[in-house]
Amino acid sequence: MTRRFLFLLGSSRPDGNTELLTRRAAEQLPADVEQRWIDLARHPLPEFEDLRHDSDHTRPTEGNARLLLDATLDATDLVIASPLYWYSVSTPVKHYLDHWSGWLRTPGLDFKATLAGRTLWGVTALAHEEQEVADPLIGTLHLTAAFMGMHFGGVLLGNGSRPGDVLRDADALGRAETFFAREAPLARFPYEKEPAAV
């Protein structure tokens, strides 16, 4: 199967450090790998309404909801590029993930079954030197992948606060060169045991 990467940019600032680091990593992908880039701030979703105890969700037929749903279903690899905002994902990314709850409950969509086995990746820039502060963001993406039965490629971390700072983070740029070439294991919840070796 041809790999199709969907890059979801979650920053409120264009060309921010997270996007710069994501684009640096994406440059290393083979030429035959499809890339699609969507800026969530410029393609806002409608407010999410939780209907799970009232009625079924319906498949969106127009606008940004349809664009993002169709792009998500078409991707083999989803890349969440979110700056670290208050120690977690940005508002546009959280809003996008909230819509997954509706797509999971849309008759005939098979959203979870479609994404199962595909790969979720993350990229983030943070102002702290201590990377542990990004653990909540990493946990959000890891547990999302585990719930969906997806592989999780981890999160590429870079340091930067002012625009362009991440381009001076030599360690992050070095990791970006091989980030998408890594083997992405099946995501598991912390309470799940690894299958026994045969």
Protein backbone atom coordinates (compact mmCIF):
# COMPACT_ATOMS: atom_id res chain seq x y z
CA MET A 1 0.00 0.00 0.00
CA THR A 2 1.29 3.46 -0.87
CA ARG A 3 1.84 5.47 2.28
CA ARG A 4 -0.19 8.66 2.50
CA PHE A 5 0.84 11.11 5.21
CA LEU A 6 -1.66 13.64 6.52
CA PHE A 7 0.04 16.50 8.35
CA LEU A 8 -2.34 18.37 10.65
CA LEU A 9 -0.90 21.70 11.72
CA GLY A 10 -2.28 22.77 15.09
CA SER A 11 -0.55 26.07 15.77
CA SER A 12 -2.28 29.42 15.95
CA ARG A 13 0.81 30.95 14.30
CA PRO A 14 1.81 30.17 10.70
CA ASP A 15 5.36 28.96 10.11
CA GLY A 16 5.90 28.42 13.82
CA ASN A 17 8.58 26.23 15.35
CA THR A 18 6.43 23.10 15.35
CA GLU A 19 5.61 23.49 11.67
CA LEU A 20 9.26 24.15 10.79
CA LEU A 21 10.35 21.00 12.60
CA THR A 22 7.55 18.97 11.00
CA ARG A 23 8.50 20.14 7.52
CA ARG A 24 12.14 19.28 8.18
CA ALA A 25 11.14 15.72 9.12
CA ALA A 26 8.78 15.45 6.14
CA GLU A 27 11.60 16.41 3.75
CA GLN A 28 13.21 13.06 4.56
CA LEU A 29 10.24 10.98 3.36
CA PRO A 30 10.72 9.07 0.10
CA ALA A 31 9.46 10.82 -3.03
CA ASP A 32 6.74 8.22 -3.60
CA VAL A 33 5.11 8.93 -0.22
CA GLU A 34 2.07 11.17 -0.61
CA GLN A 35 1.90 14.22 1.64
CA ARG A 36 -1.15 16.30 2.43
CA TRP A 37 -0.97 19.32 4.72
CA ILE A 38 -3.99 20.88 6.46
CA ASP A 39 -3.78 23.86 8.79
CA LEU A 40 -6.46 23.34 11.43
CA ALA A 41 -6.58 27.03 12.34
CA ARG A 42 -7.45 27.88 8.75
CA HIS A 43 -9.95 25.02 8.43
CA PRO A 44 -11.93 25.37 11.68
CA LEU A 45 -14.42 22.70 12.57
CA PRO A 46 -17.90 23.51 13.86
CA GLU A 47 -18.41 23.23 17.59
CA PHE A 48 -18.55 19.58 18.62
CA GLU A 49 -21.89 18.40 19.99
CA ASP A 50 -21.92 15.20 22.03
CA LEU A 51 -24.97 13.25 20.87
CA ARG A 52 -24.02 9.82 22.17
CA HIS A 53 -27.07 9.45 24.45
CA ASP A 54 -29.51 11.31 22.20
CA SER A 55 -29.11 10.36 18.55
CA ASP A 56 -26.60 9.22 15.95
CA HIS A 57 -24.15 11.54 14.30
CA THR A 58 -24.49 12.00 10.56
CA ARG A 59 -21.63 11.97 8.10
CA PRO A 60 -20.64 15.54 7.19
CA THR A 61 -21.31 16.31 3.54
CA GLU A 62 -19.64 19.70 3.19
CA GLY A 63 -17.23 22.19 4.66
CA ASN A 64 -14.21 21.62 6.85
CA ALA A 65 -15.77 18.69 8.69
CA ARG A 66 -16.07 16.72 5.46
CA LEU A 67 -12.59 17.80 4.34
CA LEU A 68 -10.97 16.65 7.58
CA LEU A 69 -12.97 13.44 7.89
CA ASP A 70 -12.20 12.39 4.31
CA ALA A 71 -8.52 13.30 4.67
CA THR A 72 -8.28 11.37 7.95
CA LEU A 73 -9.87 8.25 6.49
CA ASP A 74 -7.61 8.41 3.43
CA ALA A 75 -4.32 8.65 5.37
CA THR A 76 -2.11 5.73 6.30
CA ASP A 77 -0.09 8.00 8.61
CA LEU A 78 -1.53 10.86 10.66
CA VAL A 79 0.89 13.47 11.97
CA ILE A 80 -0.35 15.78 14.72
CA ALA A 81 1.89 18.85 14.67
CA SER A 82 0.92 20.75 17.80
CA PRO A 83 2.95 23.20 19.84
CA LEU A 84 2.94 22.50 23.55
CA TYR A 85 0.14 24.73 24.84
CA TRP A 86 -0.38 24.55 28.59
CA TYR A 87 1.41 21.20 28.60
CA SER A 88 -0.91 19.51 26.12
CA VAL A 89 -2.13 19.75 22.53
CA SER A 90 -3.39 23.03 21.12
CA THR A 91 -7.06 23.97 20.98
CA PRO A 92 -7.43 23.26 17.22
CA VAL A 93 -5.96 19.77 17.72
CA LYS A 94 -8.16 19.03 20.74
CA HIS A 95 -11.18 20.23 18.77
CA TYR A 96 -10.24 17.92 15.88
CA LEU A 97 -9.86 14.94 18.23
CA ASP A 98 -13.22 15.76 19.84
CA HIS A 99 -14.79 15.28 16.42
CA TRP A 100 -13.34 11.76 16.37
CA SER A 101 -15.90 10.98 19.10
CA GLY A 102 -18.69 11.87 16.68
CA TRP A 103 -17.09 10.05 13.76
CA LEU A 104 -16.84 6.94 15.95
CA ARG A 105 -20.62 7.08 16.35
CA THR A 106 -21.54 7.77 12.74
CA PRO A 107 -23.44 4.82 11.25
CA GLY A 108 -21.75 3.21 8.27
CA LEU A 109 -18.49 5.07 8.74
CA ASP A 110 -16.45 2.35 10.53
CA PHE A 111 -14.10 5.08 11.69
CA LYS A 112 -12.28 3.01 14.31
CA ALA A 113 -11.94 -0.05 12.11
CA THR A 114 -10.62 2.06 9.25
CA LEU A 115 -7.91 3.71 11.37
CA ALA A 116 -6.92 0.51 13.17
CA GLY A 117 -3.46 -0.57 12.09
CA ARG A 118 -2.52 2.84 10.73
CA THR A 119 0.07 5.06 12.40
CA LEU A 120 -0.23 8.18 14.54
CA TRP A 121 2.80 10.47 14.94
CA GLY A 122 3.36 13.71 16.82
CA VAL A 123 5.65 16.71 16.50
CA THR A 124 5.87 19.52 19.03
CA ALA A 125 8.04 22.47 19.94
CA LEU A 126 8.30 23.58 23.55
CA ALA A 127 9.98 26.44 25.34
CA HIS A 128 11.26 24.30 28.25
CA GLU A 129 14.65 22.64 28.11
CA GLU A 130 13.17 19.83 30.23
CA GLN A 131 11.31 17.61 27.78
CA GLU A 132 9.35 15.85 30.54
CA VAL A 133 6.88 18.74 30.51
CA ALA A 134 5.60 17.40 27.17
CA ASP A 135 4.54 14.10 28.78
CA PRO A 136 0.83 15.08 28.90
CA LEU A 137 0.83 15.82 25.15
CA ILE A 138 2.65 12.58 24.42
CA GLY A 139 0.21 10.71 26.64
CA THR A 140 -2.80 12.19 24.84
CA LEU A 141 -1.53 11.02 21.46
CA HIS A 142 -0.28 7.65 22.70
CA LEU A 143 -3.55 6.79 24.44
CA THR A 144 -5.56 7.99 21.45
CA ALA A 145 -3.58 5.62 19.25
CA ALA A 146 -4.07 2.78 21.76
CA PHE A 147 -7.83 3.31 21.87
CA MET A 148 -8.04 3.32 18.09
CA GLY A 149 -5.85 0.22 17.63
CA MET A 150 -3.24 2.30 15.81
CA HIS A 151 0.52 2.20 15.77
CA PHE A 152 2.25 5.07 17.57
CA GLY A 153 5.46 6.48 16.14
CA GLY A 154 6.16 8.71 19.11
CA VAL A 155 6.60 12.48 19.27
CA LEU A 156 9.45 14.45 17.76
CA LEU A 157 10.38 17.12 20.30
CA GLY A 158 12.16 20.37 19.55
CA ASN A 159 13.04 23.43 21.59
CA GLY A 160 11.92 26.88 20.57
CA SER A 161 9.94 29.87 21.76
CA ARG A 162 10.65 32.75 19.40
CA PRO A 163 9.95 32.19 15.68
CA GLY A 164 12.69 30.10 14.06
CA ASP A 165 14.32 29.03 17.34
CA VAL A 166 13.87 25.33 16.56
CA LEU A 167 16.18 25.64 13.57
CA ARG A 168 19.00 26.17 16.07
CA ASP A 169 18.13 22.96 17.95
CA ALA A 170 20.72 20.67 16.37
CA ASP A 171 19.56 17.62 18.34
CA ALA A 172 15.96 18.01 17.17
CA LEU A 173 17.03 18.56 13.57
CA GLY A 174 19.14 15.42 13.78
CA ARG A 175 16.21 13.38 15.11
CA ALA A 176 13.99 14.81 12.36
CA GLU A 177 16.19 13.21 9.71
CA THR A 178 15.17 9.69 10.70
CA PHE A 179 11.94 10.27 12.64
CA PHE A 180 9.51 8.88 10.07
CA ALA A 181 11.84 6.01 9.19
CA ARG A 182 11.42 4.52 12.67
CA GLU A 183 9.40 1.37 13.30
CA ALA A 184 6.11 2.37 14.93
CA PRO A 185 4.89 -0.26 17.40
CA LEU A 186 1.24 -0.98 18.05
CA ALA A 187 0.10 1.41 20.76
CA ARG A 188 -0.99 -0.10 24.04
CA PHE A 189 -2.57 1.22 27.19
CA PRO A 190 -0.20 1.18 30.20
CA TYR A 191 -2.22 -1.61 31.83
CA GLU A 192 -1.94 -3.92 28.80
CA LYS A 193 0.72 -6.60 28.77
CA GLU A 194 2.94 -7.23 25.78
CA PRO A 195 2.01 -10.44 23.94
CA ALA A 196 4.15 -13.41 24.86
CA ALA A 197 7.01 -14.19 22.47
CA VAL A 198 6.59 -17.37 20.41
